[in-house]
Amino acid sequence: MSKFSGWCAVAYRPRRHEEFLRWPVYDCNADSYCMQCANVDKTTVSYAPMNTPPEMSPYARHVLICVGQYCDPAGKAERLYRQLARMLGELGQYDNPERVKRGITPCLGVCYGGPLLVVYPDGVWYHDLDEVKLQRIVDEHLRDGNVVEEYVFHRLGVEQRP
């Protein structure tokens, strides 16, 4: 059995309760609370001491999706972010050393052509995302390591053509 017993939506962390009270808890509407968290008073949970360094499990890539109002005026990015979790499958699992972390950001500094997605450490920026494009990026880039060139508008460290 894994050292984790699944994902806890209250703590946004894997279920590993011997250390649960060290982690901050965020208010959330998720319906997948684990048994111990379902009865926790979220307003009184303590935090780790300030001098305790946080833990980071290994991961291979970090994907950020811009949810800014200028980049994504139609509000599609947050839905794509939620779909990304399902699309990643085992690549999104906390104890997978090839894990792809995902996050949202209010601004990537481009402010049009979105929804935008950037993959680090690769430094590859994708534009005009939809469900089909996102699935291709997951399958081809994140799983197989092949950049989906037709959706790329920028690469970190590569000089851009005028």
C-alpha atoms as a PDB file:
ATOM      1  CA  MET A   1       0.000   0.000   0.000  1.00  0.00           C
ATOM      2  CA  SER A   2       1.176   3.526  -0.783  1.00  0.00           C
ATOM      3  CA  LYS A   3       2.227   5.791   2.062  1.00  0.00           C
ATOM      4  CA  PHE A   4      -0.744   7.918   0.989  1.00  0.00           C
ATOM      5  CA  SER A   5      -4.302   6.698   1.189  1.00  0.00           C
ATOM      6  CA  GLY A   6      -5.692   9.020  -1.473  1.00  0.00           C
ATOM      7  CA  TRP A   7      -6.363  12.714  -1.856  1.00  0.00           C
ATOM      8  CA  CYS A   8      -8.060  14.820   0.761  1.00  0.00           C
ATOM      9  CA  ALA A   9      -9.978  17.796  -0.605  1.00  0.00           C
ATOM     10  CA  VAL A  10     -10.011  19.636   2.720  1.00  0.00           C
ATOM     11  CA  ALA A  11      -6.256  19.851   3.082  1.00  0.00           C
ATOM     12  CA  TYR A  12      -5.557  19.758  -0.676  1.00  0.00           C
ATOM     13  CA  ARG A  13      -2.925  17.205   0.243  1.00  0.00           C
ATOM     14  CA  PRO A  14      -2.584  13.436   0.167  1.00  0.00           C
ATOM     15  CA  ARG A  15      -4.218  11.673   3.074  1.00  0.00           C
ATOM     16  CA  ARG A  16      -1.377  11.204   5.505  1.00  0.00           C
ATOM     17  CA  HIS A  17      -2.963  12.044   8.804  1.00  0.00           C
ATOM     18  CA  GLU A  18      -0.136  11.568  11.234  1.00  0.00           C
ATOM     19  CA  GLU A  19       0.950  15.021  10.060  1.00  0.00           C
ATOM     20  CA  PHE A  20      -2.416  16.473   9.050  1.00  0.00           C
ATOM     21  CA  LEU A  21      -2.618  19.175  11.696  1.00  0.00           C
ATOM     22  CA  ARG A  22       0.689  20.664  10.498  1.00  0.00           C
ATOM     23  CA  TRP A  23      -0.901  21.682   7.187  1.00  0.00           C
ATOM     24  CA  PRO A  24      -3.053  24.733   6.610  1.00  0.00           C
ATOM     25  CA  VAL A  25      -6.611  24.015   5.587  1.00  0.00           C
ATOM     26  CA  TYR A  26      -8.438  26.072   3.001  1.00  0.00           C
ATOM     27  CA  ASP A  27     -12.154  26.522   2.656  1.00  0.00           C
ATOM     28  CA  CYS A  28     -13.386  24.448  -0.241  1.00  0.00           C
ATOM     29  CA  ASN A  29     -16.564  23.088  -1.749  1.00  0.00           C
ATOM     30  CA  ALA A  30     -15.108  19.724  -2.749  1.00  0.00           C
ATOM     31  CA  ASP A  31     -17.082  16.621  -1.955  1.00  0.00           C
ATOM     32  CA  SER A  32     -14.183  14.179  -1.545  1.00  0.00           C
ATOM     33  CA  TYR A  33     -13.269  14.732   2.086  1.00  0.00           C
ATOM     34  CA  CYS A  34     -11.538  11.862   3.775  1.00  0.00           C
ATOM     35  CA  MET A  35     -12.973  10.406   6.961  1.00  0.00           C
ATOM     36  CA  GLN A  36     -10.724  12.256   9.415  1.00  0.00           C
ATOM     37  CA  CYS A  37     -11.091  15.630   7.702  1.00  0.00           C
ATOM     38  CA  ALA A  38     -14.855  15.493   7.408  1.00  0.00           C
ATOM     39  CA  ASN A  39     -15.143  16.204  11.131  1.00  0.00           C
ATOM     40  CA  VAL A  40     -12.347  18.762  11.469  1.00  0.00           C
ATOM     41  CA  ASP A  41     -13.357  22.266  12.489  1.00  0.00           C
ATOM     42  CA  LYS A  42     -11.576  24.102   9.670  1.00  0.00           C
ATOM     43  CA  THR A  43     -11.497  27.353  11.616  1.00  0.00           C
ATOM     44  CA  THR A  44      -9.332  25.938  14.402  1.00  0.00           C
ATOM     45  CA  VAL A  45      -6.771  23.842  12.502  1.00  0.00           C
ATOM     46  CA  SER A  46      -3.230  24.792  13.410  1.00  0.00           C
ATOM     47  CA  TYR A  47      -0.379  25.537  11.038  1.00  0.00           C
ATOM     48  CA  ALA A  48       3.163  24.207  11.008  1.00  0.00           C
ATOM     49  CA  PRO A  49       5.619  26.236  13.096  1.00  0.00           C
ATOM     50  CA  MET A  50       7.199  29.024  11.041  1.00  0.00           C
ATOM     51  CA  ASN A  51      10.637  27.408  11.191  1.00  0.00           C
ATOM     52  CA  THR A  52       9.402  24.065   9.837  1.00  0.00           C
ATOM     53  CA  PRO A  53      10.274  23.819   6.144  1.00  0.00           C
ATOM     54  CA  PRO A  54       7.504  22.561   3.873  1.00  0.00           C
ATOM     55  CA  GLU A  55       7.755  19.226   2.090  1.00  0.00           C
ATOM     56  CA  MET A  56       7.840  18.871  -1.687  1.00  0.00           C
ATOM     57  CA  SER A  57       7.353  15.579  -3.426  1.00  0.00           C
ATOM     58  CA  PRO A  58       9.295  15.066  -6.655  1.00  0.00           C
ATOM     59  CA  TYR A  59       7.760  16.298  -9.884  1.00  0.00           C
ATOM     60  CA  ALA A  60       8.861  16.614 -13.502  1.00  0.00           C
ATOM     61  CA  ARG A  61       6.870  19.574 -14.816  1.00  0.00           C
ATOM     62  CA  HIS A  62       4.707  22.445 -13.643  1.00  0.00           C
ATOM     63  CA  VAL A  63       1.821  23.672 -15.798  1.00  0.00           C
ATOM     64  CA  LEU A  64       0.234  27.082 -15.254  1.00  0.00           C
ATOM     65  CA  ILE A  65      -3.024  28.239 -16.831  1.00  0.00           C
ATOM     66  CA  CYS A  66      -3.857  31.940 -16.953  1.00  0.00           C
ATOM     67  CA  VAL A  67      -7.323  32.819 -15.645  1.00  0.00           C
ATOM     68  CA  GLY A  68      -6.932  36.583 -16.028  1.00  0.00           C
ATOM     69  CA  GLN A  69      -9.929  38.581 -17.244  1.00  0.00           C
ATOM     70  CA  TYR A  70      -8.109  40.009 -20.285  1.00  0.00           C
ATOM     71  CA  CYS A  71      -6.478  36.746 -21.332  1.00  0.00           C
ATOM     72  CA  ASP A  72      -9.638  34.731 -20.802  1.00  0.00           C
ATOM     73  CA  PRO A  73     -12.700  37.014 -20.955  1.00  0.00           C
ATOM     74  CA  ALA A  74     -15.022  34.056 -21.643  1.00  0.00           C
ATOM     75  CA  GLY A  75     -13.934  32.324 -18.424  1.00  0.00           C
ATOM     76  CA  LYS A  76     -12.927  29.013 -20.068  1.00  0.00           C
ATOM     77  CA  ALA A  77      -9.586  28.645 -18.261  1.00  0.00           C
ATOM     78  CA  GLU A  78     -10.921  27.551 -14.864  1.00  0.00           C
ATOM     79  CA  ARG A  79     -12.983  24.801 -16.488  1.00  0.00           C
ATOM     80  CA  LEU A  80      -9.910  23.673 -18.448  1.00  0.00           C
ATOM     81  CA  TYR A  81      -7.903  23.669 -15.213  1.00  0.00           C
ATOM     82  CA  ARG A  82     -10.418  21.295 -13.606  1.00  0.00           C
ATOM     83  CA  GLN A  83     -10.428  19.083 -16.705  1.00  0.00           C
ATOM     84  CA  LEU A  84      -6.626  18.989 -16.677  1.00  0.00           C
ATOM     85  CA  ALA A  85      -6.679  17.095 -13.383  1.00  0.00           C
ATOM     86  CA  ARG A  86      -8.716  14.299 -14.983  1.00  0.00           C
ATOM     87  CA  MET A  87      -6.671  14.345 -18.193  1.00  0.00           C
ATOM     88  CA  LEU A  88      -3.395  13.952 -16.322  1.00  0.00           C
ATOM     89  CA  GLY A  89      -4.521  10.789 -14.545  1.00  0.00           C
ATOM     90  CA  GLU A  90      -1.469   9.075 -13.051  1.00  0.00           C
ATOM     91  CA  LEU A  91       0.740  12.012 -14.085  1.00  0.00           C
ATOM     92  CA  GLY A  92      -1.115  14.129 -11.547  1.00  0.00           C
ATOM     93  CA  GLN A  93      -0.716  11.702  -8.643  1.00  0.00           C
ATOM     94  CA  TYR A  94       1.151  13.162  -5.691  1.00  0.00           C
ATOM     95  CA  ASP A  95       3.496  10.202  -5.199  1.00  0.00           C
ATOM     96  CA  ASN A  96       4.455   9.889  -8.894  1.00  0.00           C
ATOM     97  CA  PRO A  97       8.048  11.168  -9.400  1.00  0.00           C
ATOM     98  CA  GLU A  98       7.082  12.096 -12.993  1.00  0.00           C
ATOM     99  CA  ARG A  99       4.182  14.147 -11.631  1.00  0.00           C
ATOM    100  CA  VAL A 100       2.916  17.198 -13.469  1.00  0.00           C
ATOM    101  CA  LYS A 101       1.940  19.888 -10.980  1.00  0.00           C
ATOM    102  CA  ARG A 102      -0.770  22.238 -12.148  1.00  0.00           C
ATOM    103  CA  GLY A 103      -1.729  25.724 -11.076  1.00  0.00           C
ATOM    104  CA  ILE A 104      -3.644  28.794 -12.101  1.00  0.00           C
ATOM    105  CA  THR A 105      -2.359  32.323 -12.226  1.00  0.00           C
ATOM    106  CA  PRO A 106      -4.183  35.652 -12.548  1.00  0.00           C
ATOM    107  CA  CYS A 107      -1.672  36.903 -15.120  1.00  0.00           C
ATOM    108  CA  LEU A 108       1.107  35.585 -17.346  1.00  0.00           C
ATOM    109  CA  GLY A 109       1.748  39.063 -18.764  1.00  0.00           C
ATOM    110  CA  VAL A 110       0.399  38.463 -22.276  1.00  0.00           C
ATOM    111  CA  CYS A 111      -3.248  39.474 -21.740  1.00  0.00           C
ATOM    112  CA  TYR A 112      -4.738  38.204 -25.010  1.00  0.00           C
ATOM    113  CA  GLY A 113      -4.863  35.043 -27.101  1.00  0.00           C
ATOM    114  CA  GLY A 114      -5.985  32.938 -24.173  1.00  0.00           C
ATOM    115  CA  PRO A 115      -6.628  30.812 -22.435  1.00  0.00           C
ATOM    116  CA  LEU A 116      -2.850  30.428 -22.176  1.00  0.00           C
ATOM    117  CA  LEU A 117      -0.858  27.544 -20.706  1.00  0.00           C
ATOM    118  CA  VAL A 118       2.857  27.413 -19.939  1.00  0.00           C
ATOM    119  CA  VAL A 119       4.879  24.262 -19.226  1.00  0.00           C
ATOM    120  CA  TYR A 120       7.970  24.501 -17.015  1.00  0.00           C
ATOM    121  CA  PRO A 121      10.832  23.708 -16.924  1.00  0.00           C
ATOM    122  CA  ASP A 122      10.398  23.348 -20.689  1.00  0.00           C
ATOM    123  CA  GLY A 123       9.465  27.026 -21.087  1.00  0.00           C
ATOM    124  CA  VAL A 124       6.850  26.248 -23.740  1.00  0.00           C
ATOM    125  CA  TRP A 125       3.858  28.594 -24.019  1.00  0.00           C
ATOM    126  CA  TYR A 126       0.588  27.517 -25.644  1.00  0.00           C
ATOM    127  CA  HIS A 127      -2.306  29.771 -26.716  1.00  0.00           C
ATOM    128  CA  ASP A 128      -6.024  29.671 -27.479  1.00  0.00           C
ATOM    129  CA  LEU A 129      -6.679  26.520 -25.468  1.00  0.00           C
ATOM    130  CA  ASP A 130      -9.783  24.396 -25.675  1.00  0.00           C
ATOM    131  CA  GLU A 131     -10.513  20.830 -24.523  1.00  0.00           C
ATOM    132  CA  VAL A 132      -9.167  19.207 -27.704  1.00  0.00           C
ATOM    133  CA  LYS A 133      -5.925  21.201 -27.658  1.00  0.00           C
ATOM    134  CA  LEU A 134      -5.436  20.576 -23.954  1.00  0.00           C
ATOM    135  CA  GLN A 135      -5.857  16.820 -24.429  1.00  0.00           C
ATOM    136  CA  ARG A 136      -3.258  16.844 -27.226  1.00  0.00           C
ATOM    137  CA  ILE A 137      -0.828  18.820 -25.043  1.00  0.00           C
ATOM    138  CA  VAL A 138      -1.292  16.308 -22.212  1.00  0.00           C
ATOM    139  CA  ASP A 139      -0.909  13.267 -24.481  1.00  0.00           C
ATOM    140  CA  GLU A 140       1.878  14.478 -26.739  1.00  0.00           C
ATOM    141  CA  HIS A 141       3.888  16.943 -24.647  1.00  0.00           C
ATOM    142  CA  LEU A 142       3.380  15.955 -21.016  1.00  0.00           C
ATOM    143  CA  ARG A 143       3.224  12.169 -21.547  1.00  0.00           C
ATOM    144  CA  ASP A 144       5.452  11.647 -24.600  1.00  0.00           C
ATOM    145  CA  GLY A 145       7.751  14.687 -24.441  1.00  0.00           C
ATOM    146  CA  ASN A 146       6.836  15.995 -27.914  1.00  0.00           C
ATOM    147  CA  VAL A 147       5.901  19.673 -28.037  1.00  0.00           C
ATOM    148  CA  VAL A 148       2.669  20.368 -29.949  1.00  0.00           C
ATOM    149  CA  GLU A 149       4.271  22.967 -32.229  1.00  0.00           C
ATOM    150  CA  GLU A 150       1.102  24.233 -33.910  1.00  0.00           C
ATOM    151  CA  TYR A 151      -0.220  25.644 -30.594  1.00  0.00           C
ATOM    152  CA  VAL A 152       3.092  27.176 -29.406  1.00  0.00           C
ATOM    153  CA  PHE A 153       3.493  30.947 -29.517  1.00  0.00           C
ATOM    154  CA  HIS A 154       6.626  31.317 -27.357  1.00  0.00           C
ATOM    155  CA  ARG A 155       9.586  29.306 -26.089  1.00  0.00           C
ATOM    156  CA  LEU A 156      11.721  30.500 -23.205  1.00  0.00           C
ATOM    157  CA  GLY A 157      15.261  31.242 -24.371  1.00  0.00           C
ATOM    158  CA  VAL A 158      14.422  31.137 -28.082  1.00  0.00           C
ATOM    159  CA  GLU A 159      14.641  34.418 -29.936  1.00  0.00           C
ATOM    160  CA  GLN A 160      11.274  35.364 -31.437  1.00  0.00           C
ATOM    161  CA  ARG A 161      10.806  36.306 -35.086  1.00  0.00           C
ATOM    162  CA  PRO A 162       9.468  39.841 -35.711  1.00  0.00           C
END
